[in-house]
Amino acid sequence: MIKEVQFLEYTNGLLDGDKDKCIEVVEYLLSQNVDIKDIYVDLFQRSMYHVGKMWEQGRLSIADEHLGTEITKSLMNRYAPKIASTKKINKTALVSCVDKEFHEIGARMAADVFELNGWHTYFLGACTPTREILKFIDIKRPDVVGLSFNFYLNIHRLYEVIDHIRKDYPNQQIIVGGQALVREKEKLLDEYKYLKLFSTVKELDSYLKEESKAN
């Protein structure tokens, strides 16, 4: 469990651009046998949500937000070997941002959560055109396609890729995640009742755990 004081210490380091302080907090948590998934959910994601809200409120500059993002990505890369060592199951997931979606860190966290639950994951990153997602599905035939959607004005691009996937691969399981679901969740469920929607990687992790028990 991550205590509030540790979260605040980490987040202050992130806001100060102090990567060493952030690493120090993570290393301490690992030394206390805190699960890497808890670090992802309760430290990395939660702190980035905090940074995002501060930016929306005009309390941080774009440069500040970008710095926090890059520090978080560097820490995710640093601790990637702990994810790679997870025992694998025979499941694959394709995770991608929709076209013109530039914020990829949430999708990267989702891909890593799949990996932490034993899945083999193909992460395509930011701004992936619909045609490229479709090509990749055709080649890899993943069990699940995960789409990241953070900017609500991109909803028509999300509709586009979902419609194309369902047309070409009618049995393909699709999940959608991202901060824009706060505004668009009910609309998406009305339009696409078969979708599974996750507002946080914690929700995704809980779902994958339940799926693992069911199988």
N, C-alpha and C. Protein backbone atom coordinates (compact mmCIF):
# COMPACT_ATOMS: atom_id res chain seq x y z
N MET A 1 0.84 -1.20 0.00
CA MET A 1 0.00 0.00 0.00
C MET A 1 0.88 1.26 0.00
N ILE A 2 0.48 2.22 -0.81
CA ILE A 2 1.24 3.47 -0.90
C ILE A 2 0.57 4.52 -0.01
N LYS A 3 1.31 5.03 0.94
CA LYS A 3 0.78 6.02 1.86
C LYS A 3 0.69 7.39 1.18
N GLU A 4 -0.19 8.22 1.70
CA GLU A 4 -0.40 9.55 1.12
C GLU A 4 0.88 10.38 1.15
N VAL A 5 1.66 10.25 2.21
CA VAL A 5 2.89 11.03 2.32
C VAL A 5 3.87 10.64 1.21
N GLN A 6 3.88 9.36 0.83
CA GLN A 6 4.76 8.91 -0.25
C GLN A 6 4.26 9.41 -1.60
N PHE A 7 2.94 9.40 -1.77
CA PHE A 7 2.38 9.95 -3.00
C PHE A 7 2.72 11.42 -3.14
N LEU A 8 2.57 12.18 -2.07
CA LEU A 8 2.86 13.62 -2.11
C LEU A 8 4.34 13.88 -2.36
N GLU A 9 5.20 13.08 -1.74
CA GLU A 9 6.64 13.24 -1.95
C GLU A 9 6.99 12.99 -3.41
N TYR A 10 6.42 11.94 -3.97
CA TYR A 10 6.67 11.62 -5.38
C TYR A 10 6.12 12.73 -6.29
N THR A 11 4.88 13.14 -6.04
CA THR A 11 4.24 14.14 -6.90
C THR A 11 4.97 15.47 -6.83
N ASN A 12 5.43 15.86 -5.66
CA ASN A 12 6.20 17.10 -5.54
C ASN A 12 7.50 17.00 -6.33
N GLY A 13 8.14 15.83 -6.29
CA GLY A 13 9.33 15.62 -7.10
C GLY A 13 9.03 15.75 -8.58
N LEU A 14 7.88 15.20 -8.98
CA LEU A 14 7.47 15.28 -10.38
C LEU A 14 7.25 16.73 -10.79
N LEU A 15 6.55 17.49 -9.95
CA LEU A 15 6.26 18.89 -10.25
C LEU A 15 7.52 19.75 -10.24
N ASP A 16 8.51 19.35 -9.45
CA ASP A 16 9.78 20.08 -9.40
C ASP A 16 10.74 19.66 -10.51
N GLY A 17 10.36 18.65 -11.28
CA GLY A 17 11.26 18.13 -12.31
C GLY A 17 12.43 17.35 -11.72
N ASP A 18 12.24 16.81 -10.52
CA ASP A 18 13.31 16.11 -9.80
C ASP A 18 13.15 14.60 -9.99
N LYS A 19 13.71 14.09 -11.08
CA LYS A 19 13.58 12.67 -11.38
C LYS A 19 14.23 11.80 -10.32
N ASP A 20 15.36 12.26 -9.78
CA ASP A 20 16.05 11.48 -8.75
C ASP A 20 15.16 11.27 -7.52
N LYS A 21 14.43 12.30 -7.14
CA LYS A 21 13.51 12.17 -6.00
C LYS A 21 12.41 11.15 -6.32
N CYS A 22 11.90 11.19 -7.53
CA CYS A 22 10.86 10.24 -7.94
C CYS A 22 11.40 8.81 -7.89
N ILE A 23 12.62 8.61 -8.39
CA ILE A 23 13.24 7.29 -8.35
C ILE A 23 13.43 6.83 -6.90
N GLU A 24 13.85 7.75 -6.06
CA GLU A 24 14.07 7.43 -4.64
C GLU A 24 12.79 6.90 -4.00
N VAL A 25 11.67 7.55 -4.29
CA VAL A 25 10.39 7.11 -3.73
C VAL A 25 10.03 5.72 -4.25
N VAL A 26 10.18 5.51 -5.56
CA VAL A 26 9.84 4.21 -6.14
C VAL A 26 10.73 3.11 -5.57
N GLU A 27 12.01 3.38 -5.47
CA GLU A 27 12.94 2.38 -4.92
C GLU A 27 12.58 2.02 -3.48
N TYR A 28 12.20 3.02 -2.71
CA TYR A 28 11.79 2.75 -1.33
C TYR A 28 10.56 1.84 -1.32
N LEU A 29 9.58 2.15 -2.15
CA LEU A 29 8.36 1.34 -2.19
C LEU A 29 8.67 -0.10 -2.59
N LEU A 30 9.53 -0.27 -3.57
CA LEU A 30 9.91 -1.62 -3.99
C LEU A 30 10.63 -2.36 -2.87
N SER A 31 11.45 -1.64 -2.11
CA SER A 31 12.17 -2.26 -0.99
C SER A 31 11.20 -2.71 0.11
N GLN A 32 10.00 -2.10 0.13
CA GLN A 32 8.96 -2.47 1.09
C GLN A 32 7.98 -3.49 0.49
N ASN A 33 8.39 -4.06 -0.65
CA ASN A 33 7.60 -5.11 -1.33
C ASN A 33 6.24 -4.62 -1.82
N VAL A 34 6.16 -3.34 -2.16
CA VAL A 34 4.95 -2.83 -2.81
C VAL A 34 4.92 -3.35 -4.24
N ASP A 35 3.79 -3.90 -4.65
CA ASP A 35 3.65 -4.49 -5.98
C ASP A 35 3.82 -3.42 -7.06
N ILE A 36 4.49 -3.78 -8.15
CA ILE A 36 4.72 -2.83 -9.24
C ILE A 36 3.40 -2.34 -9.83
N LYS A 37 2.36 -3.19 -9.81
CA LYS A 37 1.05 -2.76 -10.30
C LYS A 37 0.48 -1.63 -9.43
N ASP A 38 0.69 -1.73 -8.13
CA ASP A 38 0.22 -0.66 -7.24
C ASP A 38 0.98 0.64 -7.51
N ILE A 39 2.26 0.51 -7.83
CA ILE A 39 3.05 1.70 -8.16
C ILE A 39 2.53 2.34 -9.44
N TYR A 40 2.18 1.52 -10.43
CA TYR A 40 1.61 2.05 -11.67
C TYR A 40 0.31 2.79 -11.41
N VAL A 41 -0.59 2.13 -10.67
CA VAL A 41 -1.94 2.66 -10.49
C VAL A 41 -1.98 3.82 -9.50
N ASP A 42 -1.38 3.61 -8.33
CA ASP A 42 -1.53 4.56 -7.23
C ASP A 42 -0.44 5.63 -7.16
N LEU A 43 0.57 5.49 -8.02
CA LEU A 43 1.63 6.50 -8.04
C LEU A 43 1.74 7.13 -9.42
N PHE A 44 2.07 6.33 -10.43
CA PHE A 44 2.27 6.89 -11.77
C PHE A 44 0.99 7.50 -12.33
N GLN A 45 -0.09 6.69 -12.37
CA GLN A 45 -1.31 7.22 -12.97
C GLN A 45 -1.93 8.33 -12.12
N ARG A 46 -2.01 8.10 -10.83
CA ARG A 46 -2.64 9.11 -9.97
C ARG A 46 -1.90 10.43 -10.03
N SER A 47 -0.57 10.39 -10.03
CA SER A 47 0.20 11.64 -10.07
C SER A 47 0.02 12.35 -11.41
N MET A 48 -0.08 11.58 -12.50
CA MET A 48 -0.28 12.20 -13.81
C MET A 48 -1.68 12.79 -13.94
N TYR A 49 -2.68 12.17 -13.33
CA TYR A 49 -4.00 12.78 -13.28
C TYR A 49 -3.95 14.11 -12.54
N HIS A 50 -3.19 14.13 -11.45
CA HIS A 50 -3.03 15.37 -10.67
C HIS A 50 -2.36 16.45 -11.51
N VAL A 51 -1.32 16.07 -12.23
CA VAL A 51 -0.62 17.02 -13.11
C VAL A 51 -1.57 17.53 -14.18
N GLY A 52 -2.34 16.62 -14.78
CA GLY A 52 -3.28 17.01 -15.83
C GLY A 52 -4.33 17.99 -15.33
N LYS A 53 -4.84 17.75 -14.13
CA LYS A 53 -5.84 18.66 -13.57
C LYS A 53 -5.24 20.04 -13.29
N MET A 54 -4.01 20.06 -12.79
CA MET A 54 -3.36 21.34 -12.54
C MET A 54 -3.15 22.11 -13.84
N TRP A 55 -2.82 21.40 -14.91
CA TRP A 55 -2.65 22.06 -16.21
C TRP A 55 -3.99 22.62 -16.70
N GLU A 56 -5.07 21.82 -16.56
CA GLU A 56 -6.39 22.28 -16.98
C GLU A 56 -6.82 23.53 -16.22
N GLN A 57 -6.41 23.62 -14.96
CA GLN A 57 -6.76 24.77 -14.12
C GLN A 57 -5.84 25.96 -14.34
N GLY A 58 -4.87 25.82 -15.23
CA GLY A 58 -3.94 26.90 -15.51
C GLY A 58 -2.86 27.09 -14.47
N ARG A 59 -2.68 26.07 -13.63
CA ARG A 59 -1.67 26.16 -12.56
C ARG A 59 -0.31 25.63 -13.00
N LEU A 60 -0.28 24.97 -14.15
CA LEU A 60 0.98 24.47 -14.72
C LEU A 60 1.06 24.88 -16.18
N SER A 61 2.27 25.09 -16.66
CA SER A 61 2.46 25.38 -18.08
C SER A 61 2.49 24.08 -18.87
N ILE A 62 2.41 24.20 -20.19
CA ILE A 62 2.55 23.03 -21.05
C ILE A 62 3.90 22.38 -20.83
N ALA A 63 4.94 23.20 -20.66
CA ALA A 63 6.28 22.66 -20.42
C ALA A 63 6.33 21.85 -19.12
N ASP A 64 5.66 22.34 -18.08
CA ASP A 64 5.61 21.60 -16.81
C ASP A 64 4.93 20.24 -17.00
N GLU A 65 3.81 20.26 -17.72
CA GLU A 65 3.07 19.02 -17.96
C GLU A 65 3.90 18.04 -18.77
N HIS A 66 4.59 18.55 -19.79
CA HIS A 66 5.43 17.68 -20.61
C HIS A 66 6.58 17.10 -19.79
N LEU A 67 7.16 17.90 -18.91
CA LEU A 67 8.25 17.42 -18.07
C LEU A 67 7.78 16.28 -17.16
N GLY A 68 6.62 16.46 -16.55
CA GLY A 68 6.06 15.40 -15.71
C GLY A 68 5.81 14.13 -16.49
N THR A 69 5.31 14.29 -17.72
CA THR A 69 5.05 13.14 -18.57
C THR A 69 6.34 12.40 -18.91
N GLU A 70 7.37 13.15 -19.28
CA GLU A 70 8.63 12.52 -19.68
C GLU A 70 9.32 11.84 -18.50
N ILE A 71 9.25 12.42 -17.32
CA ILE A 71 9.81 11.76 -16.14
C ILE A 71 9.07 10.45 -15.89
N THR A 72 7.75 10.49 -15.97
CA THR A 72 6.97 9.27 -15.75
C THR A 72 7.32 8.21 -16.77
N LYS A 73 7.42 8.59 -18.04
CA LYS A 73 7.78 7.62 -19.08
C LYS A 73 9.17 7.03 -18.84
N SER A 74 10.10 7.86 -18.37
CA SER A 74 11.45 7.35 -18.12
C SER A 74 11.45 6.34 -16.98
N LEU A 75 10.60 6.58 -15.97
CA LEU A 75 10.50 5.62 -14.87
C LEU A 75 9.81 4.33 -15.32
N MET A 76 8.83 4.44 -16.18
CA MET A 76 8.19 3.24 -16.73
C MET A 76 9.20 2.41 -17.51
N ASN A 77 10.06 3.08 -18.27
CA ASN A 77 11.12 2.36 -19.00
C ASN A 77 12.12 1.73 -18.03
N ARG A 78 12.44 2.46 -16.98
CA ARG A 78 13.42 1.98 -16.01
C ARG A 78 12.96 0.67 -15.34
N TYR A 79 11.67 0.60 -15.04
CA TYR A 79 11.15 -0.56 -14.32
C TYR A 79 10.47 -1.58 -15.22
N ALA A 80 10.64 -1.41 -16.53
CA ALA A 80 10.07 -2.36 -17.50
C ALA A 80 10.52 -3.80 -17.27
N PRO A 81 11.80 -4.06 -16.89
CA PRO A 81 12.20 -5.46 -16.66
C PRO A 81 11.35 -6.19 -15.62
N LYS A 82 10.81 -5.47 -14.65
CA LYS A 82 9.95 -6.10 -13.65
C LYS A 82 8.64 -6.55 -14.28
N ILE A 83 8.24 -5.86 -15.34
CA ILE A 83 7.03 -6.23 -16.06
C ILE A 83 7.31 -7.42 -16.97
N ALA A 84 8.45 -7.38 -17.66
CA ALA A 84 8.80 -8.43 -18.60
C ALA A 84 8.97 -9.79 -17.92
N SER A 85 9.31 -9.78 -16.64
CA SER A 85 9.54 -11.03 -15.92
C SER A 85 8.25 -11.71 -15.46
N THR A 86 7.10 -11.07 -15.69
CA THR A 86 5.82 -11.64 -15.27
C THR A 86 5.54 -12.92 -16.06
N LYS A 87 5.02 -13.93 -15.37
CA LYS A 87 4.66 -15.19 -16.03
C LYS A 87 3.58 -14.93 -17.07
N LYS A 88 3.78 -15.46 -18.28
CA LYS A 88 2.89 -15.15 -19.39
C LYS A 88 1.77 -16.17 -19.54
N ILE A 89 0.64 -15.70 -20.08
CA ILE A 89 -0.47 -16.55 -20.46
C ILE A 89 -0.64 -16.45 -21.97
N ASN A 90 -1.45 -17.31 -22.52
CA ASN A 90 -1.61 -17.36 -23.98
C ASN A 90 -2.69 -16.38 -24.45
N LYS A 91 -2.45 -15.09 -24.20
CA LYS A 91 -3.39 -14.04 -24.60
C LYS A 91 -2.60 -12.87 -25.17
N THR A 92 -3.16 -12.21 -26.19
CA THR A 92 -2.49 -11.06 -26.79
C THR A 92 -3.44 -9.86 -26.84
N ALA A 93 -2.85 -8.69 -26.66
CA ALA A 93 -3.61 -7.44 -26.73
C ALA A 93 -2.88 -6.44 -27.61
N LEU A 94 -3.63 -5.75 -28.44
CA LEU A 94 -3.11 -4.62 -29.21
C LEU A 94 -3.62 -3.36 -28.52
N VAL A 95 -2.72 -2.47 -28.16
CA VAL A 95 -3.10 -1.22 -27.49
C VAL A 95 -2.58 -0.05 -28.31
N SER A 96 -3.47 0.90 -28.59
CA SER A 96 -3.08 2.03 -29.44
C SER A 96 -3.92 3.26 -29.11
N CYS A 97 -3.34 4.42 -29.35
CA CYS A 97 -4.11 5.66 -29.35
C CYS A 97 -4.81 5.78 -30.70
N VAL A 98 -5.96 6.44 -30.72
CA VAL A 98 -6.63 6.71 -31.98
C VAL A 98 -5.86 7.80 -32.73
N ASP A 99 -6.17 7.95 -33.99
CA ASP A 99 -5.49 8.96 -34.82
C ASP A 99 -5.68 10.36 -34.22
N LYS A 100 -4.62 11.16 -34.27
CA LYS A 100 -4.59 12.53 -33.74
C LYS A 100 -4.65 12.59 -32.21
N GLU A 101 -4.47 11.47 -31.56
CA GLU A 101 -4.40 11.43 -30.09
C GLU A 101 -2.93 11.42 -29.70
N PHE A 102 -2.45 12.56 -29.20
CA PHE A 102 -1.02 12.74 -28.97
C PHE A 102 -0.55 12.26 -27.60
N HIS A 103 -1.45 12.15 -26.64
CA HIS A 103 -1.07 11.76 -25.29
C HIS A 103 -1.10 10.24 -25.17
N GLU A 104 0.08 9.64 -25.17
CA GLU A 104 0.16 8.18 -25.21
C GLU A 104 0.43 7.53 -23.87
N ILE A 105 0.70 8.32 -22.83
CA ILE A 105 1.17 7.71 -21.59
C ILE A 105 0.10 6.82 -20.94
N GLY A 106 -1.18 7.21 -21.04
CA GLY A 106 -2.24 6.36 -20.50
C GLY A 106 -2.33 5.03 -21.22
N ALA A 107 -2.19 5.08 -22.55
CA ALA A 107 -2.21 3.84 -23.34
C ALA A 107 -1.01 2.98 -22.99
N ARG A 108 0.14 3.61 -22.79
CA ARG A 108 1.34 2.85 -22.41
C ARG A 108 1.13 2.17 -21.05
N MET A 109 0.52 2.88 -20.11
CA MET A 109 0.23 2.27 -18.81
C MET A 109 -0.72 1.09 -18.96
N ALA A 110 -1.73 1.25 -19.81
CA ALA A 110 -2.67 0.15 -20.04
C ALA A 110 -1.96 -1.06 -20.64
N ALA A 111 -1.07 -0.82 -21.61
CA ALA A 111 -0.31 -1.92 -22.21
C ALA A 111 0.53 -2.63 -21.16
N ASP A 112 1.15 -1.86 -20.28
CA ASP A 112 1.97 -2.46 -19.23
C ASP A 112 1.12 -3.24 -18.24
N VAL A 113 -0.10 -2.78 -17.96
CA VAL A 113 -0.99 -3.52 -17.05
C VAL A 113 -1.39 -4.85 -17.68
N PHE A 114 -1.64 -4.87 -18.98
CA PHE A 114 -1.85 -6.15 -19.66
C PHE A 114 -0.65 -7.07 -19.45
N GLU A 115 0.55 -6.52 -19.66
CA GLU A 115 1.78 -7.31 -19.49
C GLU A 115 1.90 -7.83 -18.05
N LEU A 116 1.58 -7.00 -17.09
CA LEU A 116 1.67 -7.39 -15.69
C LEU A 116 0.68 -8.49 -15.33
N ASN A 117 -0.35 -8.63 -16.14
CA ASN A 117 -1.32 -9.71 -15.96
C ASN A 117 -1.03 -10.90 -16.87
N GLY A 118 0.17 -10.91 -17.46
CA GLY A 118 0.62 -12.07 -18.21
C GLY A 118 0.34 -12.05 -19.70
N TRP A 119 -0.29 -11.00 -20.20
CA TRP A 119 -0.60 -10.92 -21.62
C TRP A 119 0.64 -10.52 -22.42
N HIS A 120 0.69 -10.96 -23.68
CA HIS A 120 1.67 -10.41 -24.62
C HIS A 120 1.01 -9.22 -25.29
N THR A 121 1.69 -8.09 -25.30
CA THR A 121 1.07 -6.84 -25.74
C THR A 121 1.83 -6.19 -26.89
N TYR A 122 1.07 -5.72 -27.88
CA TYR A 122 1.61 -4.90 -28.97
C TYR A 122 1.16 -3.46 -28.72
N PHE A 123 2.10 -2.58 -28.43
CA PHE A 123 1.77 -1.18 -28.15
C PHE A 123 2.17 -0.33 -29.34
N LEU A 124 1.18 0.32 -29.98
CA LEU A 124 1.43 1.08 -31.21
C LEU A 124 1.67 2.56 -30.97
N GLY A 125 1.38 3.06 -29.76
CA GLY A 125 1.71 4.44 -29.45
C GLY A 125 0.68 5.46 -29.89
N ALA A 126 1.14 6.71 -30.03
CA ALA A 126 0.25 7.84 -30.31
C ALA A 126 -0.09 7.95 -31.79
N CYS A 127 -1.23 8.59 -32.06
CA CYS A 127 -1.59 9.03 -33.42
C CYS A 127 -1.51 7.91 -34.46
N THR A 128 -2.04 6.75 -34.15
CA THR A 128 -1.99 5.65 -35.11
C THR A 128 -3.19 5.73 -36.04
N PRO A 129 -2.97 5.87 -37.35
CA PRO A 129 -4.09 5.95 -38.29
C PRO A 129 -4.94 4.68 -38.25
N THR A 130 -6.22 4.85 -38.51
CA THR A 130 -7.16 3.72 -38.48
C THR A 130 -6.70 2.59 -39.40
N ARG A 131 -6.25 2.93 -40.60
CA ARG A 131 -5.85 1.88 -41.55
C ARG A 131 -4.69 1.05 -41.02
N GLU A 132 -3.80 1.68 -40.25
CA GLU A 132 -2.66 0.95 -39.69
C GLU A 132 -3.10 0.02 -38.55
N ILE A 133 -4.05 0.48 -37.76
CA ILE A 133 -4.60 -0.39 -36.71
C ILE A 133 -5.25 -1.61 -37.35
N LEU A 134 -6.01 -1.39 -38.41
CA LEU A 134 -6.69 -2.50 -39.09
C LEU A 134 -5.69 -3.48 -39.69
N LYS A 135 -4.62 -2.96 -40.29
CA LYS A 135 -3.58 -3.84 -40.84
C LYS A 135 -2.96 -4.70 -39.75
N PHE A 136 -2.71 -4.09 -38.62
CA PHE A 136 -2.06 -4.80 -37.52
C PHE A 136 -2.98 -5.88 -36.96
N ILE A 137 -4.27 -5.58 -36.86
CA ILE A 137 -5.24 -6.59 -36.41
C ILE A 137 -5.23 -7.77 -37.37
N ASP A 138 -5.20 -7.48 -38.66
CA ASP A 138 -5.21 -8.54 -39.67
C ASP A 138 -3.99 -9.45 -39.55
N ILE A 139 -2.84 -8.86 -39.24
CA ILE A 139 -1.59 -9.63 -39.15
C ILE A 139 -1.51 -10.40 -37.83
N LYS A 140 -1.83 -9.76 -36.72
CA LYS A 140 -1.59 -10.34 -35.39
C LYS A 140 -2.80 -11.03 -34.78
N ARG A 141 -4.00 -10.67 -35.21
CA ARG A 141 -5.24 -11.25 -34.68
C ARG A 141 -5.24 -11.30 -33.14
N PRO A 142 -5.18 -10.14 -32.49
CA PRO A 142 -5.13 -10.11 -31.02
C PRO A 142 -6.45 -10.55 -30.39
N ASP A 143 -6.37 -11.02 -29.16
CA ASP A 143 -7.59 -11.36 -28.43
C ASP A 143 -8.39 -10.10 -28.08
N VAL A 144 -7.68 -9.03 -27.79
CA VAL A 144 -8.32 -7.77 -27.40
C VAL A 144 -7.64 -6.61 -28.11
N VAL A 145 -8.44 -5.65 -28.55
CA VAL A 145 -7.92 -4.37 -29.05
C VAL A 145 -8.29 -3.29 -28.04
N GLY A 146 -7.28 -2.60 -27.52
CA GLY A 146 -7.51 -1.52 -26.58
C GLY A 146 -7.23 -0.17 -27.23
N LEU A 147 -8.19 0.74 -27.16
CA LEU A 147 -8.06 2.06 -27.78
C LEU A 147 -8.06 3.15 -26.72
N SER A 148 -7.10 4.05 -26.82
CA SER A 148 -6.98 5.15 -25.86
C SER A 148 -7.58 6.43 -26.44
N PHE A 149 -8.35 7.11 -25.60
CA PHE A 149 -9.15 8.25 -26.04
C PHE A 149 -9.17 9.28 -24.92
N ASN A 150 -8.31 10.29 -25.02
CA ASN A 150 -8.17 11.28 -23.95
C ASN A 150 -8.73 12.66 -24.29
N PHE A 151 -8.81 12.97 -25.58
CA PHE A 151 -9.25 14.30 -26.01
C PHE A 151 -10.65 14.16 -26.59
N TYR A 152 -11.67 14.69 -25.90
CA TYR A 152 -13.06 14.39 -26.26
C TYR A 152 -13.43 14.83 -27.68
N LEU A 153 -12.72 15.83 -28.23
CA LEU A 153 -13.02 16.26 -29.60
C LEU A 153 -12.60 15.21 -30.63
N ASN A 154 -11.87 14.19 -30.19
CA ASN A 154 -11.47 13.10 -31.08
C ASN A 154 -12.50 11.99 -31.14
N ILE A 155 -13.68 12.21 -30.60
CA ILE A 155 -14.63 11.11 -30.51
C ILE A 155 -15.03 10.57 -31.88
N HIS A 156 -15.08 11.44 -32.89
CA HIS A 156 -15.45 10.95 -34.23
C HIS A 156 -14.39 10.01 -34.78
N ARG A 157 -13.11 10.23 -34.40
CA ARG A 157 -12.06 9.31 -34.84
C ARG A 157 -12.17 7.98 -34.09
N LEU A 158 -12.57 8.05 -32.83
CA LEU A 158 -12.81 6.81 -32.09
C LEU A 158 -13.95 6.03 -32.73
N TYR A 159 -15.05 6.71 -33.07
CA TYR A 159 -16.17 6.05 -33.75
C TYR A 159 -15.70 5.40 -35.05
N GLU A 160 -14.87 6.12 -35.77
CA GLU A 160 -14.39 5.63 -37.06
C GLU A 160 -13.65 4.31 -36.93
N VAL A 161 -12.69 4.25 -35.99
CA VAL A 161 -11.89 3.04 -35.87
C VAL A 161 -12.73 1.89 -35.31
N ILE A 162 -13.64 2.17 -34.38
CA ILE A 162 -14.51 1.11 -33.86
C ILE A 162 -15.38 0.55 -34.98
N ASP A 163 -15.98 1.43 -35.77
CA ASP A 163 -16.85 0.98 -36.86
C ASP A 163 -16.09 0.12 -37.87
N HIS A 164 -14.88 0.53 -38.21
CA HIS A 164 -14.09 -0.25 -39.17
C HIS A 164 -13.69 -1.61 -38.59
N ILE A 165 -13.31 -1.63 -37.33
CA ILE A 165 -12.95 -2.91 -36.71
C ILE A 165 -14.16 -3.85 -36.70
N ARG A 166 -15.31 -3.34 -36.31
CA ARG A 166 -16.51 -4.20 -36.24
C ARG A 166 -16.95 -4.67 -37.62
N LYS A 167 -16.73 -3.83 -38.63
CA LYS A 167 -17.09 -4.23 -39.99
C LYS A 167 -16.17 -5.34 -40.49
N ASP A 168 -14.87 -5.19 -40.29
CA ASP A 168 -13.90 -6.15 -40.83
C ASP A 168 -13.71 -7.36 -39.92
N TYR A 169 -13.88 -7.16 -38.60
CA TYR A 169 -13.63 -8.23 -37.63
C TYR A 169 -14.77 -8.22 -36.60
N PRO A 170 -15.96 -8.72 -37.00
CA PRO A 170 -17.16 -8.55 -36.16
C PRO A 170 -17.07 -9.19 -34.78
N ASN A 171 -16.18 -10.16 -34.60
CA ASN A 171 -16.07 -10.82 -33.30
C ASN A 171 -14.93 -10.27 -32.44
N GLN A 172 -14.28 -9.23 -32.92
CA GLN A 172 -13.13 -8.69 -32.19
C GLN A 172 -13.58 -8.00 -30.90
N GLN A 173 -12.98 -8.40 -29.78
CA GLN A 173 -13.26 -7.71 -28.52
C GLN A 173 -12.53 -6.38 -28.50
N ILE A 174 -13.25 -5.31 -28.14
CA ILE A 174 -12.69 -3.96 -28.11
C ILE A 174 -12.91 -3.36 -26.73
N ILE A 175 -11.85 -2.76 -26.19
CA ILE A 175 -11.99 -2.00 -24.95
C ILE A 175 -11.52 -0.57 -25.23
N VAL A 176 -12.08 0.36 -24.48
CA VAL A 176 -11.73 1.78 -24.64
C VAL A 176 -11.41 2.35 -23.26
N GLY A 177 -10.35 3.14 -23.20
CA GLY A 177 -9.98 3.79 -21.95
C GLY A 177 -9.52 5.21 -22.20
N GLY A 178 -9.44 5.98 -21.11
CA GLY A 178 -8.93 7.34 -21.24
C GLY A 178 -9.76 8.35 -20.48
N GLN A 179 -9.17 9.51 -20.25
CA GLN A 179 -9.82 10.53 -19.43
C GLN A 179 -11.07 11.11 -20.07
N ALA A 180 -11.17 11.06 -21.41
CA ALA A 180 -12.35 11.62 -22.08
C ALA A 180 -13.61 10.82 -21.78
N LEU A 181 -13.46 9.62 -21.22
CA LEU A 181 -14.64 8.83 -20.87
C LEU A 181 -15.49 9.51 -19.80
N VAL A 182 -14.89 10.41 -19.04
CA VAL A 182 -15.65 11.15 -18.03
C VAL A 182 -16.83 11.85 -18.69
N ARG A 183 -16.62 12.36 -19.91
CA ARG A 183 -17.67 13.09 -20.63
C ARG A 183 -18.48 12.19 -21.56
N GLU A 184 -17.84 11.15 -22.11
CA GLU A 184 -18.43 10.44 -23.23
C GLU A 184 -18.89 9.01 -22.92
N LYS A 185 -18.77 8.55 -21.67
CA LYS A 185 -19.03 7.15 -21.36
C LYS A 185 -20.45 6.73 -21.71
N GLU A 186 -21.45 7.49 -21.27
CA GLU A 186 -22.84 7.12 -21.53
C GLU A 186 -23.14 7.12 -23.02
N LYS A 187 -22.60 8.10 -23.74
CA LYS A 187 -22.81 8.18 -25.18
C LYS A 187 -22.22 6.97 -25.89
N LEU A 188 -21.02 6.57 -25.49
CA LEU A 188 -20.38 5.41 -26.09
C LEU A 188 -21.17 4.14 -25.82
N LEU A 189 -21.64 3.98 -24.59
CA LEU A 189 -22.39 2.77 -24.26
C LEU A 189 -23.73 2.72 -25.00
N ASP A 190 -24.32 3.88 -25.25
CA ASP A 190 -25.55 3.92 -26.05
C ASP A 190 -25.29 3.50 -27.49
N GLU A 191 -24.17 3.98 -28.04
CA GLU A 191 -23.84 3.69 -29.43
C GLU A 191 -23.29 2.28 -29.62
N TYR A 192 -22.47 1.83 -28.66
CA TYR A 192 -21.75 0.56 -28.81
C TYR A 192 -21.89 -0.24 -27.51
N LYS A 193 -22.96 -1.01 -27.41
CA LYS A 193 -23.26 -1.70 -26.16
C LYS A 193 -22.29 -2.83 -25.86
N TYR A 194 -21.54 -3.29 -26.87
CA TYR A 194 -20.61 -4.40 -26.69
C TYR A 194 -19.24 -3.94 -26.17
N LEU A 195 -19.00 -2.63 -26.12
CA LEU A 195 -17.70 -2.14 -25.66
C LEU A 195 -17.52 -2.36 -24.17
N LYS A 196 -16.25 -2.54 -23.77
CA LYS A 196 -15.89 -2.50 -22.36
C LYS A 196 -15.10 -1.21 -22.15
N LEU A 197 -15.52 -0.42 -21.18
CA LEU A 197 -14.92 0.90 -20.95
C LEU A 197 -14.24 0.95 -19.59
N PHE A 198 -13.03 1.53 -19.57
CA PHE A 198 -12.26 1.64 -18.34
C PHE A 198 -11.71 3.05 -18.21
N SER A 199 -12.10 3.74 -17.15
CA SER A 199 -11.63 5.11 -16.95
C SER A 199 -10.23 5.17 -16.36
N THR A 200 -9.82 4.09 -15.67
CA THR A 200 -8.50 4.05 -15.04
C THR A 200 -7.84 2.70 -15.29
N VAL A 201 -6.51 2.65 -15.15
CA VAL A 201 -5.82 1.37 -15.30
C VAL A 201 -6.15 0.45 -14.12
N LYS A 202 -6.57 1.02 -13.01
CA LYS A 202 -6.99 0.18 -11.87
C LYS A 202 -8.23 -0.62 -12.24
N GLU A 203 -9.18 0.01 -12.92
CA GLU A 203 -10.37 -0.71 -13.39
C GLU A 203 -9.97 -1.80 -14.37
N LEU A 204 -9.05 -1.49 -15.27
CA LEU A 204 -8.58 -2.49 -16.24
C LEU A 204 -7.91 -3.65 -15.52
N ASP A 205 -7.07 -3.36 -14.55
CA ASP A 205 -6.38 -4.41 -13.81
C ASP A 205 -7.38 -5.32 -13.10
N SER A 206 -8.40 -4.75 -12.48
CA SER A 206 -9.41 -5.55 -11.79
C SER A 206 -10.15 -6.45 -12.77
N TYR A 207 -10.47 -5.92 -13.94
CA TYR A 207 -11.15 -6.71 -14.97
C TYR A 207 -10.29 -7.87 -15.43
N LEU A 208 -9.01 -7.62 -15.68
CA LEU A 208 -8.12 -8.68 -16.16
C LEU A 208 -7.93 -9.76 -15.10
N LYS A 209 -7.89 -9.37 -13.84
CA LYS A 209 -7.80 -10.36 -12.76
C LYS A 209 -9.03 -11.25 -12.76
N GLU A 210 -10.22 -10.66 -12.92
CA GLU A 210 -11.45 -11.45 -12.94
C GLU A 210 -11.50 -12.36 -14.16
N GLU A 211 -11.05 -11.86 -15.30
CA GLU A 211 -11.00 -12.68 -16.51
C GLU A 211 -10.07 -13.87 -16.32
N SER A 212 -8.95 -13.64 -15.65
CA SER A 212 -7.99 -14.72 -15.39
C SER A 212 -8.60 -15.80 -14.51
N LYS A 213 -9.37 -15.39 -13.51
CA LYS A 213 -10.04 -16.37 -12.64
C LYS A 213 -11.09 -17.16 -13.41
N ALA A 214 -11.80 -16.47 -14.30
CA ALA A 214 -12.87 -17.13 -15.07
C ALA A 214 -12.32 -18.17 -16.03
N ASN A 215 -11.08 -17.92 -16.51
CA ASN A 215 -10.48 -18.85 -17.47
C ASN A 215 -9.57 -19.86 -16.79
